[in-house]
Amino acid sequence: MRFLRLEDVAEELNVKLPQVRALVKSGELPAIQIGGRGMWRVERVELENYIQQRYAQAREEIANDSQS
C-alpha cells in the first residue's frame, strides 16, 4: 500500500494518533490531504524517510553524549 492513514502510521510507530497528527502539523512528517473530506495520508516512502532520519538523529545524539 503506497499511502497510509494516520491511524496506520500511529500503529506502525507504536504511538498515539495525536502524536502523529502533531508530526504532520509541524511538517516533520510530510503528508497530503486527499478527497472531499480532506483525509490525511502519509506516503509509505515518507514514513520510511522519517524513520531513517530519527535513526540518524539518535546516532548523532549518542555520539555527542559519548564525547562529553
PDB file of N, CA and C in Angstrom:
ATOM      1  N   MET A   1       0.848  -1.172   0.000  1.00  0.00           N
ATOM      2  CA  MET A   1       0.000   0.000   0.000  1.00  0.00           C
ATOM      3  C   MET A   1       0.898   1.240   0.000  1.00  0.00           C
ATOM      4  N   ARG A   2       0.666   2.141  -0.919  1.00  0.00           N
ATOM      5  CA  ARG A   2       1.518   3.323  -1.047  1.00  0.00           C
ATOM      6  C   ARG A   2       1.207   4.377  -0.002  1.00  0.00           C
ATOM      7  N   PHE A   3      -0.072   4.612   0.273  1.00  0.00           N
ATOM      8  CA  PHE A   3      -0.467   5.652   1.217  1.00  0.00           C
ATOM      9  C   PHE A   3      -1.060   5.036   2.475  1.00  0.00           C
ATOM     10  N   LEU A   4      -0.720   5.619   3.607  1.00  0.00           N
ATOM     11  CA  LEU A   4      -1.193   5.134   4.900  1.00  0.00           C
ATOM     12  C   LEU A   4      -2.073   6.183   5.558  1.00  0.00           C
ATOM     13  N   ARG A   5      -3.089   5.722   6.244  1.00  0.00           N
ATOM     14  CA  ARG A   5      -3.891   6.617   7.083  1.00  0.00           C
ATOM     15  C   ARG A   5      -3.069   6.976   8.312  1.00  0.00           C
ATOM     16  N   LEU A   6      -3.403   8.076   8.957  1.00  0.00           N
ATOM     17  CA  LEU A   6      -2.673   8.472  10.155  1.00  0.00           C
ATOM     18  C   LEU A   6      -2.783   7.399  11.236  1.00  0.00           C
ATOM     19  N   GLU A   7      -3.908   6.718  11.290  1.00  0.00           N
ATOM     20  CA  GLU A   7      -4.080   5.630  12.252  1.00  0.00           C
ATOM     21  C   GLU A   7      -3.080   4.502  11.994  1.00  0.00           C
ATOM     22  N   ASP A   8      -2.846   4.221  10.707  1.00  0.00           N
ATOM     23  CA  ASP A   8      -1.889   3.182  10.343  1.00  0.00           C
ATOM     24  C   ASP A   8      -0.468   3.587  10.727  1.00  0.00           C
ATOM     25  N   VAL A   9      -0.146   4.851  10.516  1.00  0.00           N
ATOM     26  CA  VAL A   9       1.172   5.369  10.884  1.00  0.00           C
ATOM     27  C   VAL A   9       1.364   5.256  12.394  1.00  0.00           C
ATOM     28  N   ALA A  10       0.349   5.641  13.153  1.00  0.00           N
ATOM     29  CA  ALA A  10       0.429   5.552  14.613  1.00  0.00           C
ATOM     30  C   ALA A  10       0.678   4.111  15.043  1.00  0.00           C
ATOM     31  N   GLU A  11      -0.003   3.186  14.409  1.00  0.00           N
ATOM     32  CA  GLU A  11       0.178   1.773  14.749  1.00  0.00           C
ATOM     33  C   GLU A  11       1.592   1.304  14.417  1.00  0.00           C
ATOM     34  N   GLU A  12       2.094   1.690  13.245  1.00  0.00           N
ATOM     35  CA  GLU A  12       3.450   1.269  12.854  1.00  0.00           C
ATOM     36  C   GLU A  12       4.511   1.836  13.782  1.00  0.00           C
ATOM     37  N   LEU A  13       4.320   3.082  14.231  1.00  0.00           N
ATOM     38  CA  LEU A  13       5.297   3.718  15.114  1.00  0.00           C
ATOM     39  C   LEU A  13       5.044   3.392  16.584  1.00  0.00           C
ATOM     40  N   ASN A  14       3.919   2.734  16.857  1.00  0.00           N
ATOM     41  CA  ASN A  14       3.528   2.391  18.223  1.00  0.00           C
ATOM     42  C   ASN A  14       3.416   3.641  19.100  1.00  0.00           C
ATOM     43  N   VAL A  15       2.716   4.643  18.544  1.00  0.00           N
ATOM     44  CA  VAL A  15       2.441   5.884  19.264  1.00  0.00           C
ATOM     45  C   VAL A  15       0.957   6.194  19.150  1.00  0.00           C
ATOM     46  N   LYS A  16       0.530   7.199  19.869  1.00  0.00           N
ATOM     47  CA  LYS A  16      -0.879   7.606  19.822  1.00  0.00           C
ATOM     48  C   LYS A  16      -1.144   8.477  18.589  1.00  0.00           C
ATOM     49  N   LEU A  17      -2.379   8.450  18.120  1.00  0.00           N
ATOM     50  CA  LEU A  17      -2.787   9.223  16.953  1.00  0.00           C
ATOM     51  C   LEU A  17      -2.490  10.718  17.104  1.00  0.00           C
ATOM     52  N   PRO A  18      -2.741  11.340  18.266  1.00  0.00           N
ATOM     53  CA  PRO A  18      -2.421  12.773  18.391  1.00  0.00           C
ATOM     54  C   PRO A  18      -0.933  13.078  18.164  1.00  0.00           C
ATOM     55  N   GLN A  19      -0.053  12.150  18.496  1.00  0.00           N
ATOM     56  CA  GLN A  19       1.375  12.352  18.247  1.00  0.00           C
ATOM     57  C   GLN A  19       1.669  12.396  16.752  1.00  0.00           C
ATOM     58  N   VAL A  20       1.017  11.535  15.994  1.00  0.00           N
ATOM     59  CA  VAL A  20       1.198  11.526  14.543  1.00  0.00           C
ATOM     60  C   VAL A  20       0.626  12.806  13.952  1.00  0.00           C
ATOM     61  N   ARG A  21      -0.529  13.227  14.420  1.00  0.00           N
ATOM     62  CA  ARG A  21      -1.112  14.487  13.930  1.00  0.00           C
ATOM     63  C   ARG A  21      -0.165  15.653  14.194  1.00  0.00           C
ATOM     64  N   ALA A  22       0.477  15.668  15.349  1.00  0.00           N
ATOM     65  CA  ALA A  22       1.423  16.742  15.686  1.00  0.00           C
ATOM     66  C   ALA A  22       2.630  16.703  14.746  1.00  0.00           C
ATOM     67  N   LEU A  23       3.115  15.511  14.415  1.00  0.00           N
ATOM     68  CA  LEU A  23       4.239  15.387  13.482  1.00  0.00           C
ATOM     69  C   LEU A  23       3.864  15.926  12.107  1.00  0.00           C
ATOM     70  N   VAL A  24       2.644  15.630  11.669  1.00  0.00           N
ATOM     71  CA  VAL A  24       2.164  16.112  10.374  1.00  0.00           C
ATOM     72  C   VAL A  24       1.999  17.629  10.416  1.00  0.00           C
ATOM     73  N   LYS A  25       1.367  18.131  11.468  1.00  0.00           N
ATOM     74  CA  LYS A  25       1.103  19.568  11.581  1.00  0.00           C
ATOM     75  C   LYS A  25       2.403  20.371  11.621  1.00  0.00           C
ATOM     76  N   SER A  26       3.440  19.823  12.272  1.00  0.00           N
ATOM     77  CA  SER A  26       4.721  20.521  12.369  1.00  0.00           C
ATOM     78  C   SER A  26       5.522  20.450  11.077  1.00  0.00           C
ATOM     79  N   GLY A  27       5.139  19.531  10.178  1.00  0.00           N
ATOM     80  CA  GLY A  27       5.880  19.347   8.934  1.00  0.00           C
ATOM     81  C   GLY A  27       7.003  18.338   9.060  1.00  0.00           C
ATOM     82  N   GLU A  28       7.189  17.802  10.253  1.00  0.00           N
ATOM     83  CA  GLU A  28       8.251  16.816  10.465  1.00  0.00           C
ATOM     84  C   GLU A  28       7.976  15.529   9.690  1.00  0.00           C
ATOM     85  N   LEU A  29       6.704  15.170   9.557  1.00  0.00           N
ATOM     86  CA  LEU A  29       6.291  14.004   8.785  1.00  0.00           C
ATOM     87  C   LEU A  29       5.405  14.496   7.640  1.00  0.00           C
ATOM     88  N   PRO A  30       5.941  14.512   6.413  1.00  0.00           N
ATOM     89  CA  PRO A  30       5.154  15.004   5.279  1.00  0.00           C
ATOM     90  C   PRO A  30       3.896  14.165   5.048  1.00  0.00           C
ATOM     91  N   ALA A  31       2.801  14.863   4.768  1.00  0.00           N
ATOM     92  CA  ALA A  31       1.520  14.201   4.495  1.00  0.00           C
ATOM     93  C   ALA A  31       0.731  15.058   3.521  1.00  0.00           C
ATOM     94  N   ILE A  32      -0.264  14.440   2.910  1.00  0.00           N
ATOM     95  CA  ILE A  32      -1.139  15.167   1.989  1.00  0.00           C
ATOM     96  C   ILE A  32      -2.589  14.917   2.383  1.00  0.00           C
ATOM     97  N   GLN A  33      -3.440  15.848   1.979  1.00  0.00           N
ATOM     98  CA  GLN A  33      -4.881  15.667   2.190  1.00  0.00           C
ATOM     99  C   GLN A  33      -5.502  15.210   0.888  1.00  0.00           C
ATOM    100  N   ILE A  34      -6.346  14.192   0.999  1.00  0.00           N
ATOM    101  CA  ILE A  34      -6.968  13.589  -0.179  1.00  0.00           C
ATOM    102  C   ILE A  34      -8.470  13.510   0.027  1.00  0.00           C
ATOM    103  N   GLY A  35      -9.203  13.748  -1.050  1.00  0.00           N
ATOM    104  CA  GLY A  35     -10.645  13.564  -1.018  1.00  0.00           C
ATOM    105  C   GLY A  35     -11.393  14.781  -0.527  1.00  0.00           C
ATOM    106  N   GLY A  36     -12.697  14.704  -0.674  1.00  0.00           N
ATOM    107  CA  GLY A  36     -13.575  15.804  -0.311  1.00  0.00           C
ATOM    108  C   GLY A  36     -13.572  16.117   1.172  1.00  0.00           C
ATOM    109  N   ARG A  37     -13.295  15.112   1.994  1.00  0.00           N
ATOM    110  CA  ARG A  37     -13.287  15.321   3.438  1.00  0.00           C
ATOM    111  C   ARG A  37     -11.900  15.662   3.961  1.00  0.00           C
ATOM    112  N   GLY A  38     -10.921  15.748   3.049  1.00  0.00           N
ATOM    113  CA  GLY A  38      -9.575  16.157   3.429  1.00  0.00           C
ATOM    114  C   GLY A  38      -8.874  15.200   4.373  1.00  0.00           C
ATOM    115  N   MET A  39      -9.012  13.910   4.104  1.00  0.00           N
ATOM    116  CA  MET A  39      -8.362  12.901   4.943  1.00  0.00           C
ATOM    117  C   MET A  39      -6.859  12.933   4.710  1.00  0.00           C
ATOM    118  N   TRP A  40      -6.090  12.912   5.791  1.00  0.00           N
ATOM    119  CA  TRP A  40      -4.639  12.933   5.701  1.00  0.00           C
ATOM    120  C   TRP A  40      -4.106  11.558   5.347  1.00  0.00           C
ATOM    121  N   ARG A  41      -3.098  11.551   4.469  1.00  0.00           N
ATOM    122  CA  ARG A  41      -2.424  10.315   4.090  1.00  0.00           C
ATOM    123  C   ARG A  41      -0.917  10.569   4.076  1.00  0.00           C
ATOM    124  N   VAL A  42      -0.173   9.557   4.504  1.00  0.00           N
ATOM    125  CA  VAL A  42       1.287   9.615   4.512  1.00  0.00           C
ATOM    126  C   VAL A  42       1.786   8.562   3.533  1.00  0.00           C
ATOM    127  N   GLU A  43       2.611   8.992   2.620  1.00  0.00           N
ATOM    128  CA  GLU A  43       3.176   8.046   1.671  1.00  0.00           C
ATOM    129  C   GLU A  43       4.183   7.162   2.415  1.00  0.00           C
ATOM    130  N   ARG A  44       4.137   5.871   2.144  1.00  0.00           N
ATOM    131  CA  ARG A  44       4.994   4.920   2.852  1.00  0.00           C
ATOM    132  C   ARG A  44       6.469   5.334   2.788  1.00  0.00           C
ATOM    133  N   VAL A  45       6.917   5.807   1.633  1.00  0.00           N
ATOM    134  CA  VAL A  45       8.310   6.205   1.491  1.00  0.00           C
ATOM    135  C   VAL A  45       8.637   7.381   2.424  1.00  0.00           C
ATOM    136  N   GLU A  46       7.686   8.272   2.646  1.00  0.00           N
ATOM    137  CA  GLU A  46       7.906   9.394   3.557  1.00  0.00           C
ATOM    138  C   GLU A  46       8.015   8.902   5.004  1.00  0.00           C
ATOM    139  N   LEU A  47       7.216   7.914   5.347  1.00  0.00           N
ATOM    140  CA  LEU A  47       7.312   7.337   6.683  1.00  0.00           C
ATOM    141  C   LEU A  47       8.678   6.676   6.867  1.00  0.00           C
ATOM    142  N   GLU A  48       9.122   5.934   5.864  1.00  0.00           N
ATOM    143  CA  GLU A  48      10.435   5.288   5.941  1.00  0.00           C
ATOM    144  C   GLU A  48      11.549   6.325   6.043  1.00  0.00           C
ATOM    145  N   ASN A  49      11.434   7.427   5.294  1.00  0.00           N
ATOM    146  CA  ASN A  49      12.424   8.510   5.383  1.00  0.00           C
ATOM    147  C   ASN A  49      12.437   9.115   6.779  1.00  0.00           C
ATOM    148  N   TYR A  50      11.273   9.328   7.335  1.00  0.00           N
ATOM    149  CA  TYR A  50      11.169   9.885   8.690  1.00  0.00           C
ATOM    150  C   TYR A  50      11.867   8.961   9.691  1.00  0.00           C
ATOM    151  N   ILE A  51      11.619   7.670   9.574  1.00  0.00           N
ATOM    152  CA  ILE A  51      12.232   6.698  10.487  1.00  0.00           C
ATOM    153  C   ILE A  51      13.748   6.736  10.349  1.00  0.00           C
ATOM    154  N   GLN A  52      14.246   6.774   9.128  1.00  0.00           N
ATOM    155  CA  GLN A  52      15.698   6.819   8.916  1.00  0.00           C
ATOM    156  C   GLN A  52      16.299   8.105   9.490  1.00  0.00           C
ATOM    157  N   GLN A  53      15.585   9.220   9.358  1.00  0.00           N
ATOM    158  CA  GLN A  53      16.062  10.483   9.933  1.00  0.00           C
ATOM    159  C   GLN A  53      16.136  10.389  11.447  1.00  0.00           C
ATOM    160  N   ARG A  54      15.164   9.737  12.042  1.00  0.00           N
ATOM    161  CA  ARG A  54      15.169   9.574  13.501  1.00  0.00           C
ATOM    162  C   ARG A  54      16.328   8.695  13.951  1.00  0.00           C
ATOM    163  N   TYR A  55      16.642   7.638  13.182  1.00  0.00           N
ATOM    164  CA  TYR A  55      17.807   6.802  13.494  1.00  0.00           C
ATOM    165  C   TYR A  55      19.090   7.638  13.416  1.00  0.00           C
ATOM    166  N   ALA A  56      19.219   8.438  12.371  1.00  0.00           N
ATOM    167  CA  ALA A  56      20.411   9.275  12.201  1.00  0.00           C
ATOM    168  C   ALA A  56      20.531  10.258  13.358  1.00  0.00           C
ATOM    169  N   GLN A  57      19.418  10.849  13.758  1.00  0.00           N
ATOM    170  CA  GLN A  57      19.422  11.783  14.879  1.00  0.00           C
ATOM    171  C   GLN A  57      19.831  11.070  16.169  1.00  0.00           C
ATOM    172  N   ALA A  58      19.336   9.867  16.373  1.00  0.00           N
ATOM    173  CA  ALA A  58      19.683   9.111  17.572  1.00  0.00           C
ATOM    174  C   ALA A  58      21.174   8.782  17.591  1.00  0.00           C
ATOM    175  N   ARG A  59      21.725   8.374  16.437  1.00  0.00           N
ATOM    176  CA  ARG A  59      23.160   8.084  16.364  1.00  0.00           C
ATOM    177  C   ARG A  59      23.986   9.329  16.688  1.00  0.00           C
ATOM    178  N   GLU A  60      23.561  10.472  16.169  1.00  0.00           N
ATOM    179  CA  GLU A  60      24.270  11.723  16.428  1.00  0.00           C
ATOM    180  C   GLU A  60      24.224  12.093  17.905  1.00  0.00           C
ATOM    181  N   GLU A  61      23.064  11.941  18.514  1.00  0.00           N
ATOM    182  CA  GLU A  61      22.927  12.239  19.945  1.00  0.00           C
ATOM    183  C   GLU A  61      23.797  11.315  20.789  1.00  0.00           C
ATOM    184  N   ILE A  62      23.843  10.034  20.424  1.00  0.00           N
ATOM    185  CA  ILE A  62      24.679   9.075  21.149  1.00  0.00           C
ATOM    186  C   ILE A  62      26.154   9.442  21.012  1.00  0.00           C
ATOM    187  N   ALA A  63      26.563   9.790  19.798  1.00  0.00           N
ATOM    188  CA  ALA A  63      27.954  10.169  19.551  1.00  0.00           C
ATOM    189  C   ALA A  63      28.312  11.423  20.337  1.00  0.00           C
ATOM    190  N   ASN A  64      27.416  12.392  20.380  1.00  0.00           N
ATOM    191  CA  ASN A  64      27.670  13.631  21.125  1.00  0.00           C
ATOM    192  C   ASN A  64      27.741  13.366  22.618  1.00  0.00           C
ATOM    193  N   ASP A  65      26.891  12.485  23.107  1.00  0.00           N
ATOM    194  CA  ASP A  65      26.897  12.152  24.541  1.00  0.00           C
ATOM    195  C   ASP A  65      28.198  11.451  24.936  1.00  0.00           C
ATOM    196  N   SER A  66      28.709  10.610  24.048  1.00  0.00           N
ATOM    197  CA  SER A  66      29.928   9.858  24.401  1.00  0.00           C
ATOM    198  C   SER A  66      31.166  10.757  24.352  1.00  0.00           C
ATOM    199  N   GLN A  67      31.069  11.887  23.661  1.00  0.00           N
ATOM    200  CA  GLN A  67      32.195  12.812  23.576  1.00  0.00           C
ATOM    201  C   GLN A  67      32.236  13.760  24.778  1.00  0.00           C
ATOM    202  N   SER A  68      31.146  13.849  25.491  1.00  0.00           N
ATOM    203  CA  SER A  68      31.071  14.775  26.633  1.00  0.00           C
ATOM    204  C   SER A  68      31.793  14.240  27.845  1.00  0.00           C
TER     205      SER A  68
END
